[in-house]
């Protein structure tokens, strides 16, 4: 059982939202933890909020040395002093028993990482209004059950060993969720969402999240989870460990407009090419089938969503072109993964 807990919260100038997160931490049933805020230098408004909560919480502030969301997460890992790190977003308000549920999962299970549920929530006149029947972990727009079964054979087939995981990586190299396992209280899983995930510090020893293609954080939890899984660590999804995710039209790493969804889609496509030289269980055949299926789905939606779907299709193409460039680069000069910033211009 972990003895010291560090709650790591990267934050980017969103003091008004962060104060709700700190208030949620103030009311935890388990209160023996420290809070490590990773802030951009000069964020005076957030510092003012921190001063209001210093009398309730043990808060440490780390000013980010290098720009970028994933670098902020890595700096938080480096600066954390606990033997358990709980990652929260600055718009994810923990329920009073959230930390207690994370810790209890480590007591009776040989696990190295725990994910909790993330419930979308509106903020009305300063009051949280959760959408209790929804979750950010699984989409409410999932395919029909018969199509899910077919998909798990042809285009969403899990890597061997992850067949009974809630969050898994498919043989086509995509981050996926098994919605049929979601309603279990606890289930094996890769890490689900950084808005509500804890990991033993010892499991992260000598490991940091790659930033060459994970700039905006898409599927970064599954990348971490895959690395832990390959080292023999187990992870669990605990549905009772809950945070309320305030809906406000942006995330820590990007505004939700077409341009940034385009970039996020590229990042999602690149997961396959990141895994390809290291994971023998990913399959080019499944990748091709998955690309064909996903492209058809987006083509079907063009009449309804127009520019959005065309942007997604273009991003899928660009992401795979970058991935092929990585393959060529590896064949010529080794394992280096080049930056993809030039494709964003």
Protein backbone atom coordinates (compact mmCIF):
# COMPACT_ATOMS: atom_id res chain seq x y z
CA UNK A 1 0.00 0.00 0.00
CA UNK A 2 1.42 3.43 -0.91
CA UNK A 3 2.43 5.57 2.08
CA UNK A 4 2.82 9.01 0.51
CA UNK A 5 0.56 10.40 -2.22
CA UNK A 6 1.36 13.27 -4.57
CA UNK A 7 -1.52 14.71 -6.58
CA UNK A 8 -0.03 16.16 -9.79
CA UNK A 9 -2.11 18.81 -11.58
CA UNK A 10 -0.73 20.54 -14.70
CA UNK A 11 -2.57 23.82 -15.15
CA UNK A 12 -2.51 26.46 -17.87
CA UNK A 13 -4.07 29.74 -16.78
CA UNK A 14 -7.43 28.36 -15.67
CA UNK A 15 -7.61 29.56 -12.08
CA UNK A 16 -11.41 29.79 -12.08
CA UNK A 17 -11.69 26.06 -12.83
CA UNK A 18 -8.75 25.02 -10.67
CA UNK A 19 -10.35 26.46 -7.55
CA UNK A 20 -13.16 23.89 -7.88
CA UNK A 21 -10.57 21.10 -8.16
CA UNK A 22 -8.75 22.32 -5.04
CA UNK A 23 -12.04 22.61 -3.22
CA UNK A 24 -12.76 18.99 -4.15
CA UNK A 25 -9.36 17.97 -2.77
CA UNK A 26 -10.05 19.92 0.42
CA UNK A 27 -13.09 17.73 1.16
CA UNK A 28 -11.47 14.32 0.57
CA UNK A 29 -12.21 11.58 3.10
CA UNK A 30 -8.50 10.66 2.90
CA UNK A 31 -6.48 13.79 3.50
CA UNK A 32 -2.84 12.72 3.91
CA UNK A 33 -1.49 13.87 0.55
CA UNK A 34 0.39 16.70 -1.10
CA UNK A 35 -0.68 18.65 -4.18
CA UNK A 36 1.90 19.47 -6.85
CA UNK A 37 0.77 22.13 -9.30
CA UNK A 38 2.73 22.41 -12.55
CA UNK A 39 2.21 25.97 -13.77
CA UNK A 40 3.46 28.20 -16.52
CA UNK A 41 5.73 30.97 -15.18
CA UNK A 42 3.93 34.23 -14.48
CA UNK A 43 0.51 32.71 -13.78
CA UNK A 44 -0.34 35.24 -11.06
CA UNK A 45 -4.07 34.51 -11.03
CA UNK A 46 -3.49 30.84 -10.24
CA UNK A 47 -0.98 31.71 -7.50
CA UNK A 48 -3.67 33.88 -5.89
CA UNK A 49 -6.03 30.89 -5.88
CA UNK A 50 -3.31 28.69 -4.37
CA UNK A 51 -2.85 31.15 -1.53
CA UNK A 52 -6.55 30.79 -0.67
CA UNK A 53 -6.17 27.01 -0.27
CA UNK A 54 -2.76 26.84 1.41
CA UNK A 55 -4.40 26.67 4.84
CA UNK A 56 -6.39 23.58 3.80
CA UNK A 57 -3.94 21.71 1.58
CA UNK A 58 -0.22 20.96 1.36
CA UNK A 59 0.39 22.64 -2.01
CA UNK A 60 3.73 22.74 -3.83
CA UNK A 61 4.18 24.79 -7.00
CA UNK A 62 6.49 23.77 -9.81
CA UNK A 63 6.98 26.29 -12.61
CA UNK A 64 7.23 24.57 -15.98
CA UNK A 65 10.67 24.75 -17.57
CA UNK A 66 9.73 23.53 -21.06
CA UNK A 67 6.53 24.33 -23.00
CA UNK A 68 3.93 21.71 -23.88
CA UNK A 69 1.34 19.68 -21.99
CA UNK A 70 3.20 16.36 -22.08
CA UNK A 71 6.38 18.03 -20.89
CA UNK A 72 4.38 19.47 -17.98
CA UNK A 73 3.27 15.94 -17.05
CA UNK A 74 6.85 14.66 -17.23
CA UNK A 75 8.09 17.53 -15.07
CA UNK A 76 5.36 16.70 -12.58
CA UNK A 77 6.60 13.09 -12.42
CA UNK A 78 10.16 14.33 -11.86
CA UNK A 79 9.13 16.74 -9.09
CA UNK A 80 6.72 14.41 -7.25
CA UNK A 81 7.95 13.06 -3.89
CA UNK A 82 5.19 10.53 -3.16
CA UNK A 83 5.40 6.80 -3.80
CA UNK A 84 2.02 7.11 -5.54
CA UNK A 85 1.22 9.80 -8.13
CA UNK A 86 -2.42 10.69 -8.78
CA UNK A 87 -2.83 12.68 -11.98
CA UNK A 88 -5.76 15.11 -12.20
CA UNK A 89 -6.65 17.74 -14.79
CA UNK A 90 -7.27 21.30 -13.67
CA UNK A 91 -10.94 20.92 -14.65
CA UNK A 92 -11.51 17.49 -13.02
CA UNK A 93 -13.12 17.82 -9.58
CA UNK A 94 -12.68 14.69 -7.40
CA UNK A 95 -15.59 13.25 -5.44
CA UNK A 96 -14.89 13.16 -1.68
CA UNK A 97 -13.94 9.46 -1.74
CA UNK A 98 -11.85 9.60 -4.94
CA UNK A 99 -8.38 9.37 -3.39
CA UNK A 100 -9.57 6.78 -0.84
CA UNK A 101 -10.87 4.60 -3.69
CA UNK A 102 -7.58 4.86 -5.57
CA UNK A 103 -5.63 3.81 -2.48
CA UNK A 104 -7.98 0.97 -1.55
CA UNK A 105 -7.47 -0.56 -5.01
CA UNK A 106 -3.77 -0.98 -4.23
CA UNK A 107 -4.44 -2.62 -0.85
CA UNK A 108 -5.91 -5.88 -2.11
CA UNK A 109 -4.56 -6.11 -5.64
CA UNK A 110 -1.09 -6.51 -7.05
CA UNK A 111 -1.46 -3.46 -9.28
CA UNK A 112 0.77 -0.61 -10.36
CA UNK A 113 -1.83 1.72 -11.87
CA UNK A 114 -5.48 2.63 -11.27
CA UNK A 115 -7.92 4.56 -13.44
CA UNK A 116 -11.22 6.02 -12.27
CA UNK A 117 -14.39 7.22 -13.90
CA UNK A 118 -14.66 10.69 -15.45
CA UNK A 119 -18.18 12.11 -15.49
CA UNK A 120 -18.97 15.14 -17.69
CA UNK A 121 -20.30 18.03 -15.63
CA UNK A 122 -21.68 21.49 -16.29
CA UNK A 123 -20.91 24.46 -14.07
CA UNK A 124 -23.98 26.63 -13.45
CA UNK A 125 -23.64 29.70 -11.21
CA UNK A 126 -20.68 28.10 -9.46
CA UNK A 127 -22.50 24.79 -8.83
CA UNK A 128 -21.46 21.48 -10.42
CA UNK A 129 -24.25 19.68 -12.31
CA UNK A 130 -22.97 16.15 -13.21
CA UNK A 131 -24.41 14.17 -16.10
CA UNK A 132 -24.53 11.03 -13.98
CA UNK A 133 -25.63 8.72 -16.79
CA UNK A 134 -22.66 9.63 -19.00
CA UNK A 135 -18.93 9.05 -18.87
CA UNK A 136 -15.92 10.41 -20.72
CA UNK A 137 -14.37 6.94 -20.51
CA UNK A 138 -16.80 5.43 -23.03
CA UNK A 139 -18.71 7.25 -25.75
CA UNK A 140 -22.50 7.42 -25.65
CA UNK A 141 -22.34 7.07 -29.46
CA UNK A 142 -20.92 3.54 -29.47
CA UNK A 143 -21.63 1.19 -32.37
CA UNK A 144 -24.46 -1.35 -32.06
CA UNK A 145 -23.53 -4.51 -30.15
CA UNK A 146 -23.41 -6.75 -33.23
CA UNK A 147 -21.07 -4.29 -34.97
CA UNK A 148 -18.84 -4.11 -31.88
CA UNK A 149 -18.51 -7.92 -31.93
CA UNK A 150 -17.56 -7.92 -35.61
CA UNK A 151 -15.17 -5.00 -35.02
CA UNK A 152 -13.33 -6.85 -32.25
CA UNK A 153 -12.53 -9.55 -34.81
CA UNK A 154 -11.58 -7.48 -37.85
CA UNK A 155 -10.67 -3.85 -37.01
CA UNK A 156 -10.72 -3.40 -33.20
CA UNK A 157 -9.19 -6.73 -32.17
CA UNK A 158 -7.22 -6.31 -28.89
CA UNK A 159 -3.56 -7.17 -28.63
CA UNK A 160 -3.08 -10.69 -27.27
CA UNK A 161 -3.23 -10.47 -23.47
CA UNK A 162 -5.59 -7.46 -23.49
CA UNK A 163 -8.76 -9.28 -24.59
CA UNK A 164 -10.47 -8.67 -21.23
CA UNK A 165 -9.22 -5.13 -20.67
CA UNK A 166 -11.60 -2.18 -20.48
CA UNK A 167 -9.04 0.15 -22.12
CA UNK A 168 -6.81 -1.66 -24.60
CA UNK A 169 -4.70 -1.16 -27.71
CA UNK A 170 -6.00 -2.82 -30.84
CA UNK A 171 -3.87 -4.85 -33.24
CA UNK A 172 -4.42 -1.95 -35.64
CA UNK A 173 -2.61 0.33 -33.18
CA UNK A 174 -5.57 2.36 -31.90
CA UNK A 175 -6.55 3.14 -28.32
CA UNK A 176 -9.94 1.49 -27.70
CA UNK A 177 -12.45 0.79 -24.90
CA UNK A 178 -14.47 -2.40 -24.38
CA UNK A 179 -17.85 -0.88 -23.50
CA UNK A 180 -19.18 -4.30 -22.45
CA UNK A 181 -16.84 -4.22 -19.42
CA UNK A 182 -17.57 -0.64 -18.41
CA UNK A 183 -20.36 -1.43 -15.94
CA UNK A 184 -18.18 -3.76 -13.88
CA UNK A 185 -17.10 -2.22 -10.58
CA UNK A 186 -13.48 -3.18 -11.26
CA UNK A 187 -11.83 -4.55 -14.36
CA UNK A 188 -8.36 -5.06 -15.78
CA UNK A 189 -7.41 -2.19 -18.04
CA UNK A 190 -4.66 -0.09 -19.46
CA UNK A 191 -4.74 3.44 -18.03
CA UNK A 192 -7.89 5.25 -19.19
CA UNK A 193 -7.67 9.04 -18.80
CA UNK A 194 -5.07 11.33 -17.27
CA UNK A 195 -7.87 13.36 -15.73
CA UNK A 196 -8.17 10.58 -13.11
CA UNK A 197 -5.27 8.11 -13.05
CA UNK A 198 -2.78 7.01 -10.40
CA UNK A 199 0.50 5.14 -10.85
CA UNK A 200 3.09 3.83 -8.39
CA UNK A 201 6.20 6.00 -8.65
CA UNK A 202 8.37 2.88 -8.65
CA UNK A 203 6.61 1.69 -11.82
CA UNK A 204 7.56 4.94 -13.55
CA UNK A 205 11.21 4.66 -12.55
CA UNK A 206 13.45 5.63 -15.50
CA UNK A 207 10.39 6.13 -17.72
CA UNK A 208 8.98 9.35 -19.08
CA UNK A 209 6.19 9.89 -21.61
CA UNK A 210 7.54 10.35 -25.16
CA UNK A 211 7.00 13.88 -26.43
CA UNK A 212 8.15 13.40 -30.03
CA UNK A 213 4.57 12.70 -31.13
CA UNK A 214 2.53 13.01 -27.90
CA UNK A 215 2.30 16.78 -27.74
CA UNK A 216 -1.41 17.17 -27.09
CA UNK A 217 -1.84 14.10 -24.96
CA UNK A 218 -4.05 11.94 -27.21
CA UNK A 219 -3.75 8.33 -25.98
CA UNK A 220 -0.80 9.20 -23.73
CA UNK A 221 -2.36 7.15 -20.93
CA UNK A 222 -2.45 4.08 -23.16
CA UNK A 223 1.19 4.63 -24.15
CA UNK A 224 2.16 4.71 -20.47
CA UNK A 225 -0.12 1.74 -19.76
CA UNK A 226 1.37 -0.27 -22.64
CA UNK A 227 4.89 0.34 -21.33
CA UNK A 228 3.85 -0.75 -17.83
CA UNK A 229 2.06 -3.80 -19.25
CA UNK A 230 5.13 -4.85 -21.25
CA UNK A 231 7.14 -4.72 -18.00
CA UNK A 232 4.67 -7.07 -16.32
CA UNK A 233 2.69 -4.49 -14.32
CA UNK A 234 -1.07 -4.82 -13.95
CA UNK A 235 -3.63 -1.99 -13.97
CA UNK A 236 -7.25 -1.74 -12.83
CA UNK A 237 -10.25 0.45 -13.63
CA UNK A 238 -12.18 1.34 -10.46
CA UNK A 239 -15.58 2.84 -11.30
CA UNK A 240 -16.01 4.16 -7.73
CA UNK A 241 -13.05 6.51 -8.04
CA UNK A 242 -14.83 9.43 -9.69
CA UNK A 243 -13.99 12.93 -10.87
CA UNK A 244 -16.42 15.44 -12.34
CA UNK A 245 -15.04 16.85 -15.59
CA UNK A 246 -16.23 20.42 -16.10
CA UNK A 247 -17.37 20.97 -19.69
CA UNK A 248 -16.08 24.31 -20.99
CA UNK A 249 -15.10 23.82 -24.64
CA UNK A 250 -11.37 23.18 -24.30
CA UNK A 251 -8.88 20.76 -22.77
CA UNK A 252 -5.53 21.24 -21.09
CA UNK A 253 -3.69 20.78 -24.36
CA UNK A 254 -5.96 22.13 -27.06
CA UNK A 255 -9.07 24.10 -27.91
CA UNK A 256 -11.72 21.92 -29.49
CA UNK A 257 -11.87 23.54 -32.91
CA UNK A 258 -11.39 21.84 -36.27
CA UNK A 259 -7.71 22.80 -36.50
CA UNK A 260 -6.79 21.19 -33.21
CA UNK A 261 -9.01 18.14 -33.69
CA UNK A 262 -7.09 17.71 -36.95
CA UNK A 263 -3.85 17.68 -34.99
CA UNK A 264 -5.26 15.34 -32.34
CA UNK A 265 -6.37 12.88 -35.03
CA UNK A 266 -2.86 12.83 -36.48
CA UNK A 267 -1.53 12.00 -33.03
CA UNK A 268 -4.00 9.15 -32.70
CA UNK A 269 -2.89 7.72 -36.06
CA UNK A 270 0.76 7.81 -35.03
CA UNK A 271 0.31 5.42 -32.10
CA UNK A 272 0.54 2.44 -34.50
CA UNK A 273 3.83 3.65 -35.96
CA UNK A 274 5.26 4.34 -32.50
CA UNK A 275 4.46 0.75 -31.44
CA UNK A 276 5.40 -0.96 -34.71
CA UNK A 277 9.16 -1.47 -34.05
CA UNK A 278 8.56 -2.56 -30.43
CA UNK A 279 5.26 -4.49 -30.41
CA UNK A 280 5.22 -7.63 -32.55
CA UNK A 281 1.49 -8.15 -31.85
CA UNK A 282 0.34 -5.12 -33.88
CA UNK A 283 -0.77 -6.13 -37.36
CA UNK A 284 -0.43 -4.35 -40.70
CA UNK A 285 -3.41 -6.34 -41.98
CA UNK A 286 -5.63 -5.18 -39.12
CA UNK A 287 -4.34 -1.65 -39.66
CA UNK A 288 -5.39 -1.64 -43.31
CA UNK A 289 -8.85 -3.04 -42.48
CA UNK A 290 -9.27 -0.51 -39.69
CA UNK A 291 -8.25 2.38 -41.96
CA UNK A 292 -10.77 1.28 -44.58
CA UNK A 293 -13.55 0.98 -42.00
CA UNK A 294 -12.80 4.33 -40.31
CA UNK A 295 -12.58 6.11 -43.65
CA UNK A 296 -15.95 4.72 -44.73
CA UNK A 297 -17.53 5.83 -41.43
CA UNK A 298 -16.30 9.39 -41.89
CA UNK A 299 -17.24 9.45 -45.58
CA UNK A 300 -20.77 8.43 -44.62
CA UNK A 301 -21.00 11.41 -42.25
CA UNK A 302 -19.78 14.05 -44.71
CA UNK A 303 -23.29 15.12 -45.75
CA UNK A 304 -24.16 15.83 -42.13
CA UNK A 305 -20.91 17.27 -40.76
CA UNK A 306 -19.20 18.59 -43.90
CA UNK A 307 -15.88 20.32 -43.18
CA UNK A 308 -15.39 18.50 -39.88
CA UNK A 309 -15.45 15.02 -41.47
CA UNK A 310 -13.28 16.16 -44.38
CA UNK A 311 -10.75 17.47 -41.85
CA UNK A 312 -10.73 14.13 -40.03
CA UNK A 313 -10.20 12.24 -43.29
CA UNK A 314 -7.35 14.55 -44.23
CA UNK A 315 -5.80 14.09 -40.78
CA UNK A 316 -6.00 10.29 -41.12
CA UNK A 317 -4.16 10.55 -44.44
CA UNK A 318 -1.52 12.95 -43.08
CA UNK A 319 -1.00 10.89 -39.92
CA UNK A 320 -0.31 7.77 -41.91
CA UNK A 321 1.98 9.58 -44.32
CA UNK A 322 4.02 10.78 -41.34
CA UNK A 323 4.06 7.24 -39.98
CA UNK A 324 5.36 5.87 -43.29
CA UNK A 325 8.04 8.56 -43.19
CA UNK A 326 9.02 7.25 -39.73
CA UNK A 327 9.33 3.72 -41.13
CA UNK A 328 11.58 4.95 -43.94
CA UNK A 329 13.66 6.98 -41.46
CA UNK A 330 14.12 3.92 -39.25
CA UNK A 331 15.18 1.76 -42.20
CA UNK A 332 17.71 4.38 -43.26
CA UNK A 333 19.08 5.59 -39.96
CA UNK A 334 17.81 3.70 -36.93
CA UNK A 335 14.95 4.16 -34.46
CA UNK A 336 14.66 7.97 -34.43
CA UNK A 337 11.09 9.31 -34.57
CA UNK A 338 11.17 12.72 -36.32
CA UNK A 339 9.05 15.64 -35.25
CA UNK A 340 5.76 16.16 -37.07
CA UNK A 341 5.43 19.91 -36.45
CA UNK A 342 6.06 20.71 -40.12
CA UNK A 343 2.83 18.91 -41.06
CA UNK A 344 0.85 21.36 -38.90
CA UNK A 345 1.77 24.38 -40.94
